[in-house]
PDB file of N, CA and C in Angstrom:
ATOM      1  N   MET A   1     -50.414 -42.701 -18.961  1.00  0.00           N
ATOM      2  CA  MET A   1     -51.533 -42.019 -18.329  1.00  0.00           C
ATOM      3  C   MET A   1     -52.394 -43.524 -17.940  1.00  0.00           C
ATOM      4  N   LEU A   2     -53.289 -43.168 -17.554  1.00  0.00           N
ATOM      5  CA  LEU A   2     -54.501 -43.874 -17.089  1.00  0.00           C
ATOM      6  C   LEU A   2     -55.296 -44.527 -18.372  1.00  0.00           C
ATOM      7  N   SER A   3     -54.408 -45.443 -19.006  1.00  0.00           N
ATOM      8  CA  SER A   3     -55.170 -46.363 -19.717  1.00  0.00           C
ATOM      9  C   SER A   3     -54.376 -47.799 -19.902  1.00  0.00           C
ATOM     10  N   ASP A   4     -54.744 -48.612 -20.856  1.00  0.00           N
ATOM     11  CA  ASP A   4     -54.075 -49.936 -21.002  1.00  0.00           C
ATOM     12  C   ASP A   4     -53.092 -49.698 -20.913  1.00  0.00           C
ATOM     13  N   PRO A   5     -51.837 -50.235 -20.377  1.00  0.00           N
ATOM     14  CA  PRO A   5     -50.552 -50.222 -20.814  1.00  0.00           C
ATOM     15  C   PRO A   5     -49.679 -50.000 -22.093  1.00  0.00           C
ATOM     16  N   LYS A   6     -50.869 -50.624 -22.733  1.00  0.00           N
ATOM     17  CA  LYS A   6     -50.377 -51.240 -24.394  1.00  0.00           C
ATOM     18  C   LYS A   6     -50.438 -49.484 -24.843  1.00  0.00           C
ATOM     19  N   LEU A   7     -51.480 -48.764 -24.369  1.00  0.00           N
ATOM     20  CA  LEU A   7     -52.146 -47.648 -25.195  1.00  0.00           C
ATOM     21  C   LEU A   7     -51.115 -46.408 -24.682  1.00  0.00           C
ATOM     22  N   ALA A   8     -50.169 -46.794 -22.961  1.00  0.00           N
ATOM     23  CA  ALA A   8     -50.381 -45.631 -22.502  1.00  0.00           C
ATOM     24  C   ALA A   8     -49.062 -44.363 -23.167  1.00  0.00           C
ATOM     25  N   ASP A   9     -48.085 -45.138 -23.841  1.00  0.00           N
ATOM     26  CA  ASP A   9     -46.637 -43.943 -24.351  1.00  0.00           C
ATOM     27  C   ASP A   9     -47.628 -42.901 -25.852  1.00  0.00           C
ATOM     28  N   ARG A  10     -48.440 -44.073 -26.619  1.00  0.00           N
ATOM     29  CA  ARG A  10     -49.258 -43.629 -27.483  1.00  0.00           C
ATOM     30  C   ARG A  10     -50.416 -42.327 -26.812  1.00  0.00           C
ATOM     31  N   MET A  11     -50.957 -42.554 -25.771  1.00  0.00           N
ATOM     32  CA  MET A  11     -52.101 -41.560 -25.236  1.00  0.00           C
ATOM     33  C   MET A  11     -51.795 -40.395 -24.431  1.00  0.00           C
ATOM     34  N   LEU A  12     -50.283 -41.007 -24.097  1.00  0.00           N
ATOM     35  CA  LEU A  12     -49.452 -39.655 -23.081  1.00  0.00           C
ATOM     36  C   LEU A  12     -48.993 -39.011 -23.976  1.00  0.00           C
ATOM     37  N   ALA A  13     -48.623 -39.273 -25.647  1.00  0.00           N
ATOM     38  CA  ALA A  13     -48.167 -38.095 -26.329  1.00  0.00           C
ATOM     39  C   ALA A  13     -49.366 -37.377 -26.801  1.00  0.00           C
ATOM     40  N   ARG A  14     -50.351 -37.737 -27.567  1.00  0.00           N
ATOM     41  CA  ARG A  14     -51.500 -37.169 -27.697  1.00  0.00           C
ATOM     42  C   ARG A  14     -52.191 -36.412 -26.622  1.00  0.00           C
ATOM     43  N   TRP A  15     -52.427 -36.976 -25.461  1.00  0.00           N
ATOM     44  CA  TRP A  15     -52.523 -35.680 -24.381  1.00  0.00           C
ATOM     45  C   TRP A  15     -52.074 -34.858 -24.238  1.00  0.00           C
ATOM     46  N   ALA A  16     -50.283 -34.864 -24.003  1.00  0.00           N
ATOM     47  CA  ALA A  16     -49.724 -33.632 -24.416  1.00  0.00           C
ATOM     48  C   ALA A  16     -49.483 -32.889 -25.482  1.00  0.00           C
ATOM     49  N   GLU A  17     -49.313 -33.165 -26.649  1.00  0.00           N
ATOM     50  CA  GLU A  17     -49.746 -32.391 -27.726  1.00  0.00           C
ATOM     51  C   GLU A  17     -50.801 -31.812 -27.467  1.00  0.00           C
ATOM     52  N   ARG A  18     -52.258 -32.521 -27.445  1.00  0.00           N
ATOM     53  CA  ARG A  18     -53.425 -31.382 -27.467  1.00  0.00           C
ATOM     54  C   ARG A  18     -53.457 -30.588 -26.225  1.00  0.00           C
ATOM     55  N   PHE A  19     -53.249 -30.930 -24.625  1.00  0.00           N
ATOM     56  CA  PHE A  19     -52.602 -29.629 -23.986  1.00  0.00           C
ATOM     57  C   PHE A  19     -51.725 -28.836 -23.980  1.00  0.00           C
ATOM     58  N   GLN A  20     -50.790 -28.840 -24.694  1.00  0.00           N
ATOM     59  CA  GLN A  20     -49.763 -28.255 -24.580  1.00  0.00           C
ATOM     60  C   GLN A  20     -50.097 -26.542 -24.522  1.00  0.00           C
ATOM     61  N   GLN A  21     -50.547 -26.376 -25.101  1.00  0.00           N
ATOM     62  CA  GLN A  21     -51.172 -24.913 -25.775  1.00  0.00           C
ATOM     63  C   GLN A  21     -51.730 -24.301 -24.132  1.00  0.00           C
ATOM     64  N   TRP A  22     -52.126 -25.177 -23.875  1.00  0.00           N
ATOM     65  CA  TRP A  22     -53.134 -24.151 -22.518  1.00  0.00           C
ATOM     66  C   TRP A  22     -52.319 -24.344 -21.320  1.00  0.00           C
ATOM     67  N   VAL A  23     -51.318 -25.287 -20.965  1.00  0.00           N
ATOM     68  CA  VAL A  23     -50.314 -25.461 -19.981  1.00  0.00           C
ATOM     69  C   VAL A  23     -48.965 -25.140 -19.994  1.00  0.00           C
ATOM     70  N   GLN A  24     -48.429 -24.919 -21.198  1.00  0.00           N
ATOM     71  CA  GLN A  24     -47.207 -24.720 -21.366  1.00  0.00           C
ATOM     72  C   GLN A  24     -47.185 -23.035 -20.950  1.00  0.00           C
ATOM     73  N   VAL A  25     -45.929 -23.544 -19.554  1.00  0.00           N
ATOM     74  CA  VAL A  25     -45.587 -21.818 -19.062  1.00  0.00           C
ATOM     75  C   VAL A  25     -44.417 -20.888 -19.914  1.00  0.00           C
ATOM     76  N   PRO A  26     -44.852 -19.441 -20.303  1.00  0.00           N
ATOM     77  CA  PRO A  26     -43.782 -18.816 -20.698  1.00  0.00           C
ATOM     78  C   PRO A  26     -42.257 -18.902 -20.171  1.00  0.00           C
ATOM     79  N   ALA A  27     -41.323 -19.170 -21.356  1.00  0.00           N
ATOM     80  CA  ALA A  27     -39.647 -19.288 -21.252  1.00  0.00           C
ATOM     81  C   ALA A  27     -39.950 -17.959 -20.516  1.00  0.00           C
ATOM     82  N   GLU A  28     -40.484 -16.269 -21.585  1.00  0.00           N
ATOM     83  CA  GLU A  28     -39.664 -15.085 -20.961  1.00  0.00           C
ATOM     84  C   GLU A  28     -40.052 -15.042 -19.709  1.00  0.00           C
ATOM     85  N   ALA A  29     -40.846 -16.028 -18.939  1.00  0.00           N
ATOM     86  CA  ALA A  29     -41.867 -15.457 -17.226  1.00  0.00           C
ATOM     87  C   ALA A  29     -40.831 -15.332 -15.909  1.00  0.00           C
ATOM     88  N   SER A  30     -40.954 -14.830 -15.609  1.00  0.00           N
ATOM     89  CA  SER A  30     -39.550 -14.908 -14.660  1.00  0.00           C
ATOM     90  C   SER A  30     -39.705 -16.201 -13.467  1.00  0.00           C
ATOM     91  N   ALA A  31     -38.689 -16.767 -13.032  1.00  0.00           N
ATOM     92  CA  ALA A  31     -38.335 -17.762 -12.507  1.00  0.00           C
ATOM     93  C   ALA A  31     -39.557 -17.815 -11.129  1.00  0.00           C
ATOM     94  N   GLU A  32     -40.083 -16.555 -10.570  1.00  0.00           N
ATOM     95  CA  GLU A  32     -41.086 -16.691  -9.814  1.00  0.00           C
ATOM     96  C   GLU A  32     -42.690 -17.183 -10.543  1.00  0.00           C
ATOM     97  N   GLU A  33     -42.697 -16.321 -11.803  1.00  0.00           N
ATOM     98  CA  GLU A  33     -43.891 -16.520 -12.309  1.00  0.00           C
ATOM     99  C   GLU A  33     -43.938 -17.953 -13.008  1.00  0.00           C
ATOM    100  N   GLN A  34     -43.147 -18.823 -13.209  1.00  0.00           N
ATOM    101  CA  GLN A  34     -43.349 -19.875 -13.871  1.00  0.00           C
ATOM    102  C   GLN A  34     -43.813 -20.916 -12.857  1.00  0.00           C
ATOM    103  N   SER A  35     -43.182 -20.846 -11.199  1.00  0.00           N
ATOM    104  CA  SER A  35     -43.345 -21.574 -10.240  1.00  0.00           C
ATOM    105  C   SER A  35     -44.557 -21.243 -10.053  1.00  0.00           C
ATOM    106  N   ARG A  36     -45.319 -20.169 -10.148  1.00  0.00           N
ATOM    107  CA  ARG A  36     -46.569 -19.807  -9.306  1.00  0.00           C
ATOM    108  C   ARG A  36     -47.736 -20.332 -10.753  1.00  0.00           C
ATOM    109  N   LEU A  37     -47.197 -20.672 -12.002  1.00  0.00           N
ATOM    110  CA  LEU A  37     -47.887 -21.091 -13.232  1.00  0.00           C
ATOM    111  C   LEU A  37     -47.965 -22.340 -13.618  1.00  0.00           C
ATOM    112  N   HIS A  38     -47.159 -23.229 -12.781  1.00  0.00           N
ATOM    113  CA  HIS A  38     -47.012 -24.423 -12.833  1.00  0.00           C
ATOM    114  C   HIS A  38     -47.887 -24.853 -11.417  1.00  0.00           C
ATOM    115  N   ALA A  39     -47.313 -24.374  -9.816  1.00  0.00           N
ATOM    116  CA  ALA A  39     -48.605 -24.625  -9.322  1.00  0.00           C
ATOM    117  C   ALA A  39     -49.907 -24.387  -9.625  1.00  0.00           C
ATOM    118  N   ALA A  40     -50.207 -23.625 -10.317  1.00  0.00           N
ATOM    119  CA  ALA A  40     -51.608 -23.599 -10.254  1.00  0.00           C
ATOM    120  C   ALA A  40     -52.153 -24.660 -10.725  1.00  0.00           C
ATOM    121  N   ARG A  41     -51.012 -25.415 -12.236  1.00  0.00           N
ATOM    122  CA  ARG A  41     -51.724 -25.866 -13.117  1.00  0.00           C
ATOM    123  C   ARG A  41     -51.596 -27.362 -12.178  1.00  0.00           C
ATOM    124  N   LEU A  42     -50.744 -27.781 -11.363  1.00  0.00           N
ATOM    125  CA  LEU A  42     -50.737 -28.964 -10.398  1.00  0.00           C
ATOM    126  C   LEU A  42     -51.831 -29.115  -9.639  1.00  0.00           C
ATOM    127  N   LEU A  43     -52.437 -27.945  -9.178  1.00  0.00           N
ATOM    128  CA  LEU A  43     -53.306 -27.570  -7.915  1.00  0.00           C
ATOM    129  C   LEU A  43     -54.269 -28.073  -9.089  1.00  0.00           C
ATOM    130  N   ALA A  44     -54.772 -27.309 -10.471  1.00  0.00           N
ATOM    131  CA  ALA A  44     -56.130 -27.851 -10.932  1.00  0.00           C
ATOM    132  C   ALA A  44     -56.353 -28.944 -11.295  1.00  0.00           C
ATOM    133  N   ASP A  45     -54.928 -29.702 -11.369  1.00  0.00           N
ATOM    134  CA  ASP A  45     -54.778 -31.161 -12.357  1.00  0.00           C
ATOM    135  C   ASP A  45     -55.392 -31.737 -10.986  1.00  0.00           C
ATOM    136  N   GLY A  46     -55.090 -31.893 -10.038  1.00  0.00           N
ATOM    137  CA  GLY A  46     -55.229 -32.674  -8.743  1.00  0.00           C
ATOM    138  C   GLY A  46     -56.950 -33.027  -8.491  1.00  0.00           C
ATOM    139  N   ALA A  47     -57.454 -31.180  -8.400  1.00  0.00           N
ATOM    140  CA  ALA A  47     -59.040 -31.208  -8.375  1.00  0.00           C
ATOM    141  C   ALA A  47     -59.524 -32.040  -9.363  1.00  0.00           C
ATOM    142  N   TRP A  48     -59.123 -31.798 -10.694  1.00  0.00           N
ATOM    143  CA  TRP A  48     -59.476 -32.139 -12.033  1.00  0.00           C
ATOM    144  C   TRP A  48     -59.752 -33.602 -11.835  1.00  0.00           C
ATOM    145  N   LEU A  49     -58.475 -34.403 -11.186  1.00  0.00           N
ATOM    146  CA  LEU A  49     -58.606 -36.162 -11.406  1.00  0.00           C
ATOM    147  C   LEU A  49     -59.419 -36.243 -10.676  1.00  0.00           C
ATOM    148  N   ALA A  50     -59.127 -35.732  -9.349  1.00  0.00           N
ATOM    149  CA  ALA A  50     -60.077 -36.672  -7.881  1.00  0.00           C
ATOM    150  C   ALA A  50     -61.762 -36.272  -8.746  1.00  0.00           C
ATOM    151  N   ASP A  51     -62.050 -35.380  -9.192  1.00  0.00           N
ATOM    152  CA  ASP A  51     -63.726 -35.201  -9.599  1.00  0.00           C
ATOM    153  C   ASP A  51     -64.021 -36.094 -10.708  1.00  0.00           C
ATOM    154  N   SER A  52     -63.039 -36.146 -11.729  1.00  0.00           N
ATOM    155  CA  SER A  52     -63.050 -36.833 -12.697  1.00  0.00           C
ATOM    156  C   SER A  52     -63.031 -38.431 -12.692  1.00  0.00           C
ATOM    157  N   SER A  53     -62.532 -39.033 -11.616  1.00  0.00           N
ATOM    158  CA  SER A  53     -62.079 -40.330 -11.055  1.00  0.00           C
ATOM    159  C   SER A  53     -62.987 -40.789  -9.715  1.00  0.00           C
ATOM    160  N   ASN A  54     -63.788 -39.611  -9.914  1.00  0.00           N
ATOM    161  CA  ASN A  54     -64.408 -39.876  -8.411  1.00  0.00           C
ATOM    162  C   ASN A  54     -64.147 -40.249  -7.082  1.00  0.00           C
ATOM    163  N   THR A  55     -62.471 -39.860  -7.032  1.00  0.00           N
ATOM    164  CA  THR A  55     -61.995 -40.613  -6.144  1.00  0.00           C
ATOM    165  C   THR A  55     -62.002 -39.343  -5.400  1.00  0.00           C
ATOM    166  N   PHE A  56     -61.966 -39.451  -4.173  1.00  0.00           N
ATOM    167  CA  PHE A  56     -62.082 -38.252  -2.987  1.00  0.00           C
ATOM    168  C   PHE A  56     -63.089 -37.294  -3.422  1.00  0.00           C
ATOM    169  N   PRO A  57     -63.537 -36.907  -4.690  1.00  0.00           N
ATOM    170  CA  PRO A  57     -63.997 -35.158  -4.919  1.00  0.00           C
ATOM    171  C   PRO A  57     -64.640 -34.389  -3.932  1.00  0.00           C
ATOM    172  N   LEU A  58     -64.272 -33.054  -4.244  1.00  0.00           N
ATOM    173  CA  LEU A  58     -64.754 -32.343  -2.924  1.00  0.00           C
ATOM    174  C   LEU A  58     -66.482 -31.763  -3.161  1.00  0.00           C
ATOM    175  N   ILE A  59     -66.867 -32.001  -2.454  1.00  0.00           N
ATOM    176  CA  ILE A  59     -68.521 -31.396  -1.997  1.00  0.00           C
ATOM    177  C   ILE A  59     -68.921 -30.147  -2.417  1.00  0.00           C
ATOM    178  N   LYS A  60     -69.744 -29.760  -2.971  1.00  0.00           N
ATOM    179  CA  LYS A  60     -70.180 -28.121  -3.722  1.00  0.00           C
ATOM    180  C   LYS A  60     -69.735 -27.464  -2.510  1.00  0.00           C
ATOM    181  N   SER A  61     -69.723 -27.348  -1.154  1.00  0.00           N
ATOM    182  CA  SER A  61     -69.827 -26.850   0.565  1.00  0.00           C
ATOM    183  C   SER A  61     -67.797 -26.647   0.615  1.00  0.00           C
ATOM    184  N   GLU A  62     -67.592 -27.619  -0.026  1.00  0.00           N
ATOM    185  CA  GLU A  62     -65.887 -27.647   0.168  1.00  0.00           C
ATOM    186  C   GLU A  62     -65.105 -27.082  -0.624  1.00  0.00           C
ATOM    187  N   ARG A  63     -65.327 -26.515  -1.822  1.00  0.00           N
ATOM    188  CA  ARG A  63     -64.806 -25.694  -3.079  1.00  0.00           C
ATOM    189  C   ARG A  63     -64.613 -24.317  -2.590  1.00  0.00           C
ATOM    190  N   PRO A  64     -65.411 -23.165  -2.167  1.00  0.00           N
ATOM    191  CA  PRO A  64     -64.672 -22.124  -1.835  1.00  0.00           C
ATOM    192  C   PRO A  64     -63.617 -22.355  -0.717  1.00  0.00           C
ATOM    193  N   GLY A  65     -63.857 -23.211   0.534  1.00  0.00           N
ATOM    194  CA  GLY A  65     -62.484 -22.948   1.356  1.00  0.00           C
ATOM    195  C   GLY A  65     -61.329 -23.053   1.118  1.00  0.00           C
ATOM    196  N   VAL A  66     -61.052 -24.550  -0.535  1.00  0.00           N
ATOM    197  CA  VAL A  66     -60.096 -24.767  -0.969  1.00  0.00           C
ATOM    198  C   VAL A  66     -59.906 -23.785  -1.702  1.00  0.00           C
ATOM    199  N   LEU A  67     -60.926 -23.397  -2.643  1.00  0.00           N
ATOM    200  CA  LEU A  67     -60.126 -22.726  -3.661  1.00  0.00           C
ATOM    201  C   LEU A  67     -59.367 -21.319  -2.967  1.00  0.00           C
ATOM    202  N   ALA A  68     -59.976 -20.824  -1.809  1.00  0.00           N
ATOM    203  CA  ALA A  68     -59.076 -19.792  -0.643  1.00  0.00           C
ATOM    204  C   ALA A  68     -58.125 -19.884  -0.594  1.00  0.00           C
ATOM    205  N   VAL A  69     -57.657 -21.522   0.077  1.00  0.00           N
ATOM    206  CA  VAL A  69     -56.327 -22.111   0.562  1.00  0.00           C
ATOM    207  C   VAL A  69     -55.809 -21.890  -0.722  1.00  0.00           C
ATOM    208  N   ALA A  70     -56.149 -22.360  -2.010  1.00  0.00           N
ATOM    209  CA  ALA A  70     -55.024 -22.651  -3.122  1.00  0.00           C
ATOM    210  C   ALA A  70     -55.057 -21.097  -3.231  1.00  0.00           C
ATOM    211  N   LEU A  71     -55.704 -20.183  -3.840  1.00  0.00           N
ATOM    212  CA  LEU A  71     -55.196 -18.758  -3.596  1.00  0.00           C
ATOM    213  C   LEU A  71     -54.072 -17.959  -3.107  1.00  0.00           C
ATOM    214  N   GLU A  72     -54.151 -18.480  -1.790  1.00  0.00           N
ATOM    215  CA  GLU A  72     -53.754 -18.201  -0.510  1.00  0.00           C
ATOM    216  C   GLU A  72     -52.235 -18.507  -1.368  1.00  0.00           C
ATOM    217  N   LEU A  73     -51.990 -20.068  -1.139  1.00  0.00           N
ATOM    218  CA  LEU A  73     -50.457 -20.648  -1.827  1.00  0.00           C
ATOM    219  C   LEU A  73     -49.931 -20.259  -2.399  1.00  0.00           C
ATOM    220  N   LEU A  74     -50.576 -19.587  -3.519  1.00  0.00           N
ATOM    221  CA  LEU A  74     -50.102 -19.313  -5.199  1.00  0.00           C
ATOM    222  C   LEU A  74     -49.961 -17.459  -4.859  1.00  0.00           C
ATOM    223  N   GLY A  75     -50.412 -16.717  -3.567  1.00  0.00           N
ATOM    224  CA  GLY A  75     -50.466 -15.543  -3.172  1.00  0.00           C
ATOM    225  C   GLY A  75     -51.165 -14.944  -3.879  1.00  0.00           C
ATOM    226  N   GLU A  76     -52.322 -15.165  -4.265  1.00  0.00           N
ATOM    227  CA  GLU A  76     -53.333 -14.253  -4.599  1.00  0.00           C
ATOM    228  C   GLU A  76     -54.349 -14.145  -3.928  1.00  0.00           C
ATOM    229  N   LYS A  77     -55.682 -13.440  -4.298  1.00  0.00           N
ATOM    230  CA  LYS A  77     -56.716 -13.103  -3.280  1.00  0.00           C
ATOM    231  C   LYS A  77     -57.853 -13.145  -3.882  1.00  0.00           C
ATOM    232  N   ALA A  78     -58.929 -14.160  -3.539  1.00  0.00           N
ATOM    233  CA  ALA A  78     -60.101 -14.962  -3.699  1.00  0.00           C
ATOM    234  C   ALA A  78     -60.527 -13.440  -4.830  1.00  0.00           C
ATOM    235  N   ARG A  79     -61.248 -13.599  -5.738  1.00  0.00           N
ATOM    236  CA  ARG A  79     -62.254 -13.300  -6.279  1.00  0.00           C
ATOM    237  C   ARG A  79     -63.606 -12.991  -6.147  1.00  0.00           C
TER     238      ARG A  79
END
């Protein structure tokens, strides 16, 4: 992860253990649904990383448009 190289393996293991319950894709889901769930997580991960690292974060007025595109890519409609 984004940490001291001496701690990276241990921190990655802890991170994966803690977050697995929220990001694990059900094995019984269809291949299409698994792909959609992975895509949704990866889109969210990118937005979260940009915000948390303050590296090209979206400004408030950009978020609705980006969300609309993400939902379109995932085959969803904005709610």
